Amino acid sequence: MTNSAFGAVYGVVDGTAYPVCDAAGYAPFGFGYRRCGGEQLTTEFVKEFLRTVWSRGIEFTTLDLERSEKLPVSPRTVIDDNIGFRQGP
């Protein structure tokens, strides 16, 4: 594996550079050692959120809405904003 001046990592085989993956896809926090510092904060937030959901018995439900708003969740994915939650017994 070789590092470029920009922090990108790539493989070199017989003197030819090849990308680590052909299509990087959606990478909101970047790749490699130059990832966004907010990645760890977000990871800890999500872990705490899931712990709270589990410990309080929160259940996610699909809301019966006449029209729900479209919500982008990644560059190529849009979902209906029709998910709610309630605290279980």
N, C-alpha and C. Protein backbone atom coordinates (compact mmCIF):
# COMPACT_ATOMS: atom_id res chain seq x y z
N MET A 1 0.85 -1.17 0.00
CA MET A 1 0.00 0.00 0.00
C MET A 1 0.89 1.24 0.00
N THR A 2 0.48 2.23 -0.76
CA THR A 2 1.26 3.46 -0.91
C THR A 2 0.36 4.65 -0.58
N ASN A 3 0.91 5.67 0.05
CA ASN A 3 0.18 6.89 0.34
C ASN A 3 0.54 7.95 -0.68
N SER A 4 -0.46 8.69 -1.14
CA SER A 4 -0.18 9.83 -2.01
C SER A 4 0.03 11.07 -1.14
N ALA A 5 0.39 12.16 -1.77
CA ALA A 5 0.60 13.42 -1.04
C ALA A 5 -0.71 13.93 -0.44
N PHE A 6 -1.83 13.45 -0.94
CA PHE A 6 -3.14 13.90 -0.48
C PHE A 6 -3.75 12.97 0.56
N GLY A 7 -3.03 11.94 0.97
CA GLY A 7 -3.53 11.04 1.99
C GLY A 7 -4.31 9.86 1.44
N ALA A 8 -4.45 9.78 0.11
CA ALA A 8 -5.16 8.64 -0.48
C ALA A 8 -4.24 7.42 -0.46
N VAL A 9 -4.80 6.27 -0.16
CA VAL A 9 -4.03 5.04 -0.11
C VAL A 9 -4.37 4.22 -1.34
N TYR A 10 -3.35 3.66 -2.00
CA TYR A 10 -3.59 2.87 -3.19
C TYR A 10 -2.54 1.76 -3.28
N GLY A 11 -2.86 0.74 -4.01
CA GLY A 11 -1.94 -0.38 -4.20
C GLY A 11 -1.12 -0.19 -5.45
N VAL A 12 0.11 -0.71 -5.46
CA VAL A 12 0.98 -0.67 -6.63
C VAL A 12 1.38 -2.11 -6.94
N VAL A 13 1.07 -2.55 -8.16
CA VAL A 13 1.42 -3.89 -8.61
C VAL A 13 2.22 -3.77 -9.89
N ASP A 14 3.44 -4.27 -9.89
CA ASP A 14 4.34 -4.21 -11.06
C ASP A 14 4.47 -2.79 -11.59
N GLY A 15 4.58 -1.82 -10.67
CA GLY A 15 4.77 -0.43 -11.06
C GLY A 15 3.50 0.30 -11.48
N THR A 16 2.34 -0.37 -11.46
CA THR A 16 1.08 0.27 -11.84
C THR A 16 0.23 0.51 -10.60
N ALA A 17 -0.24 1.74 -10.44
CA ALA A 17 -1.07 2.09 -9.28
C ALA A 17 -2.51 1.66 -9.54
N TYR A 18 -3.12 1.06 -8.53
CA TYR A 18 -4.53 0.63 -8.60
C TYR A 18 -5.28 1.20 -7.41
N PRO A 19 -6.54 1.61 -7.62
CA PRO A 19 -7.32 2.11 -6.47
C PRO A 19 -7.61 0.97 -5.50
N VAL A 20 -7.78 1.33 -4.22
CA VAL A 20 -8.10 0.34 -3.20
C VAL A 20 -9.45 -0.28 -3.51
N CYS A 21 -10.39 0.53 -3.95
CA CYS A 21 -11.69 0.01 -4.39
C CYS A 21 -12.10 0.79 -5.63
N ASP A 22 -12.82 0.14 -6.53
CA ASP A 22 -13.18 0.78 -7.79
C ASP A 22 -14.16 1.93 -7.61
N ALA A 23 -15.10 1.76 -6.69
CA ALA A 23 -16.09 2.80 -6.43
C ALA A 23 -16.13 3.03 -4.93
N ALA A 24 -15.72 4.20 -4.51
CA ALA A 24 -15.65 4.48 -3.08
C ALA A 24 -17.03 4.51 -2.44
N GLY A 25 -18.04 4.92 -3.18
CA GLY A 25 -19.38 4.99 -2.61
C GLY A 25 -19.53 6.19 -1.69
N TYR A 26 -20.50 6.12 -0.83
CA TYR A 26 -20.81 7.22 0.08
C TYR A 26 -19.91 7.14 1.30
N ALA A 27 -19.11 8.14 1.52
CA ALA A 27 -18.18 8.16 2.64
C ALA A 27 -18.29 9.51 3.36
N PRO A 28 -19.30 9.66 4.23
CA PRO A 28 -19.51 10.96 4.85
C PRO A 28 -18.36 11.44 5.73
N PHE A 29 -17.51 10.52 6.20
CA PHE A 29 -16.39 10.90 7.07
C PHE A 29 -15.05 10.72 6.39
N GLY A 30 -15.03 10.43 5.11
CA GLY A 30 -13.78 10.26 4.39
C GLY A 30 -13.19 8.87 4.57
N PHE A 31 -11.95 8.71 4.10
CA PHE A 31 -11.27 7.42 4.15
C PHE A 31 -9.88 7.58 4.76
N GLY A 32 -9.33 6.48 5.21
CA GLY A 32 -7.93 6.44 5.64
C GLY A 32 -7.66 7.22 6.91
N TYR A 33 -6.41 7.57 7.07
CA TYR A 33 -5.99 8.23 8.30
C TYR A 33 -6.38 9.70 8.35
N ARG A 34 -6.92 10.25 7.29
CA ARG A 34 -7.34 11.65 7.28
C ARG A 34 -8.85 11.78 7.38
N ARG A 35 -9.47 10.87 8.10
CA ARG A 35 -10.93 10.91 8.27
C ARG A 35 -11.32 12.10 9.13
N CYS A 36 -12.59 12.42 9.06
CA CYS A 36 -13.15 13.53 9.82
C CYS A 36 -13.10 13.25 11.31
N GLY A 37 -12.74 14.26 12.10
CA GLY A 37 -12.71 14.10 13.56
C GLY A 37 -14.09 13.88 14.15
N GLY A 38 -15.14 14.31 13.46
CA GLY A 38 -16.50 14.13 13.94
C GLY A 38 -16.98 12.69 13.86
N GLU A 39 -16.24 11.83 13.18
CA GLU A 39 -16.64 10.43 13.06
C GLU A 39 -16.73 9.77 14.42
N GLN A 40 -15.74 9.97 15.27
CA GLN A 40 -15.76 9.34 16.60
C GLN A 40 -16.89 9.90 17.47
N LEU A 41 -17.13 11.19 17.38
CA LEU A 41 -18.22 11.80 18.13
C LEU A 41 -19.56 11.21 17.68
N THR A 42 -19.74 11.10 16.37
CA THR A 42 -20.98 10.54 15.85
C THR A 42 -21.14 9.08 16.25
N THR A 43 -20.07 8.31 16.19
CA THR A 43 -20.12 6.90 16.58
C THR A 43 -20.54 6.77 18.04
N GLU A 44 -19.96 7.57 18.91
CA GLU A 44 -20.33 7.52 20.33
C GLU A 44 -21.78 7.94 20.54
N PHE A 45 -22.24 8.94 19.80
CA PHE A 45 -23.63 9.37 19.90
C PHE A 45 -24.58 8.24 19.50
N VAL A 46 -24.29 7.58 18.38
CA VAL A 46 -25.15 6.49 17.92
C VAL A 46 -25.14 5.33 18.91
N LYS A 47 -23.98 5.00 19.47
CA LYS A 47 -23.91 3.92 20.47
C LYS A 47 -24.76 4.26 21.69
N GLU A 48 -24.68 5.49 22.17
CA GLU A 48 -25.47 5.90 23.33
C GLU A 48 -26.97 5.90 23.00
N PHE A 49 -27.31 6.33 21.80
CA PHE A 49 -28.70 6.29 21.36
C PHE A 49 -29.24 4.86 21.36
N LEU A 50 -28.47 3.93 20.81
CA LEU A 50 -28.92 2.53 20.77
C LEU A 50 -29.01 1.93 22.17
N ARG A 51 -28.08 2.29 23.07
CA ARG A 51 -28.18 1.82 24.46
C ARG A 51 -29.47 2.32 25.11
N THR A 52 -29.81 3.58 24.86
CA THR A 52 -31.04 4.17 25.42
C THR A 52 -32.27 3.48 24.86
N VAL A 53 -32.28 3.25 23.56
CA VAL A 53 -33.40 2.55 22.93
C VAL A 53 -33.59 1.18 23.57
N TRP A 54 -32.50 0.45 23.77
CA TRP A 54 -32.57 -0.89 24.34
C TRP A 54 -33.02 -0.85 25.81
N SER A 55 -32.41 0.01 26.60
CA SER A 55 -32.69 0.02 28.04
C SER A 55 -34.09 0.53 28.37
N ARG A 56 -34.65 1.40 27.56
CA ARG A 56 -35.98 1.96 27.84
C ARG A 56 -37.09 1.26 27.05
N GLY A 57 -36.74 0.25 26.28
CA GLY A 57 -37.74 -0.49 25.54
C GLY A 57 -38.44 0.32 24.46
N ILE A 58 -37.71 1.19 23.82
CA ILE A 58 -38.30 2.03 22.77
C ILE A 58 -38.51 1.19 21.52
N GLU A 59 -39.69 1.32 20.92
CA GLU A 59 -40.04 0.58 19.72
C GLU A 59 -40.25 1.56 18.57
N PHE A 60 -39.71 1.21 17.43
CA PHE A 60 -39.89 2.03 16.23
C PHE A 60 -41.10 1.50 15.46
N THR A 61 -41.93 2.41 14.98
CA THR A 61 -43.13 2.01 14.25
C THR A 61 -43.25 2.82 12.97
N THR A 62 -43.96 2.26 12.02
CA THR A 62 -44.27 2.97 10.79
C THR A 62 -45.55 3.76 11.02
N LEU A 63 -45.49 5.06 10.77
CA LEU A 63 -46.65 5.92 10.99
C LEU A 63 -47.60 5.83 9.80
N ASP A 64 -48.88 5.84 10.07
CA ASP A 64 -49.90 5.80 9.02
C ASP A 64 -50.22 7.23 8.62
N LEU A 65 -49.42 7.78 7.72
CA LEU A 65 -49.59 9.16 7.28
C LEU A 65 -50.17 9.19 5.88
N GLU A 66 -51.02 10.18 5.63
CA GLU A 66 -51.59 10.32 4.29
C GLU A 66 -50.50 10.67 3.29
N ARG A 67 -49.65 11.63 3.67
CA ARG A 67 -48.50 12.00 2.83
C ARG A 67 -47.31 12.21 3.74
N SER A 68 -46.24 11.54 3.47
CA SER A 68 -45.03 11.74 4.28
C SER A 68 -43.99 12.49 3.45
N GLU A 69 -43.18 13.24 4.15
CA GLU A 69 -42.12 14.00 3.50
C GLU A 69 -41.01 13.06 3.06
N LYS A 70 -40.37 13.38 1.96
CA LYS A 70 -39.22 12.61 1.48
C LYS A 70 -37.98 13.09 2.22
N LEU A 71 -37.16 12.16 2.65
CA LEU A 71 -36.00 12.48 3.47
C LEU A 71 -34.74 11.88 2.84
N PRO A 72 -33.77 12.71 2.39
CA PRO A 72 -32.54 12.16 1.83
C PRO A 72 -31.65 11.62 2.95
N VAL A 73 -31.16 10.40 2.78
CA VAL A 73 -30.28 9.80 3.80
C VAL A 73 -28.89 9.53 3.26
N SER A 74 -28.69 9.64 1.98
CA SER A 74 -27.37 9.57 1.35
C SER A 74 -27.52 10.17 -0.05
N PRO A 75 -26.44 10.38 -0.76
CA PRO A 75 -26.55 11.03 -2.07
C PRO A 75 -27.50 10.34 -3.06
N ARG A 76 -27.68 9.03 -2.95
CA ARG A 76 -28.53 8.33 -3.91
C ARG A 76 -29.76 7.67 -3.27
N THR A 77 -30.04 7.96 -2.01
CA THR A 77 -31.15 7.31 -1.33
C THR A 77 -32.07 8.33 -0.68
N VAL A 78 -33.36 8.23 -1.00
CA VAL A 78 -34.38 9.08 -0.40
C VAL A 78 -35.46 8.15 0.15
N ILE A 79 -35.86 8.35 1.40
CA ILE A 79 -36.87 7.50 2.02
C ILE A 79 -38.06 8.35 2.47
N ASP A 80 -39.17 7.69 2.72
CA ASP A 80 -40.33 8.37 3.28
C ASP A 80 -40.08 8.62 4.77
N ASP A 81 -40.38 9.82 5.23
CA ASP A 81 -40.21 10.16 6.65
C ASP A 81 -41.47 9.75 7.39
N ASN A 82 -41.64 8.46 7.59
CA ASN A 82 -42.85 7.94 8.23
C ASN A 82 -42.52 6.97 9.37
N ILE A 83 -41.40 7.18 10.02
CA ILE A 83 -41.00 6.31 11.12
C ILE A 83 -41.09 7.09 12.42
N GLY A 84 -41.77 6.53 13.40
CA GLY A 84 -41.89 7.14 14.71
C GLY A 84 -41.43 6.14 15.76
N PHE A 85 -41.53 6.51 17.01
CA PHE A 85 -41.18 5.58 18.08
C PHE A 85 -42.06 5.82 19.28
N ARG A 86 -42.13 4.79 20.11
CA ARG A 86 -42.89 4.88 21.35
C ARG A 86 -42.19 4.03 22.39
N GLN A 87 -42.40 4.37 23.64
CA GLN A 87 -41.78 3.60 24.72
C GLN A 87 -42.66 2.41 25.03
N GLY A 88 -42.03 1.24 25.06
CA GLY A 88 -42.75 0.00 25.32
C GLY A 88 -43.24 -0.09 26.76
N PRO A 89 -43.94 -1.18 27.07
CA PRO A 89 -44.53 -1.34 28.42
C PRO A 89 -43.50 -1.45 29.52
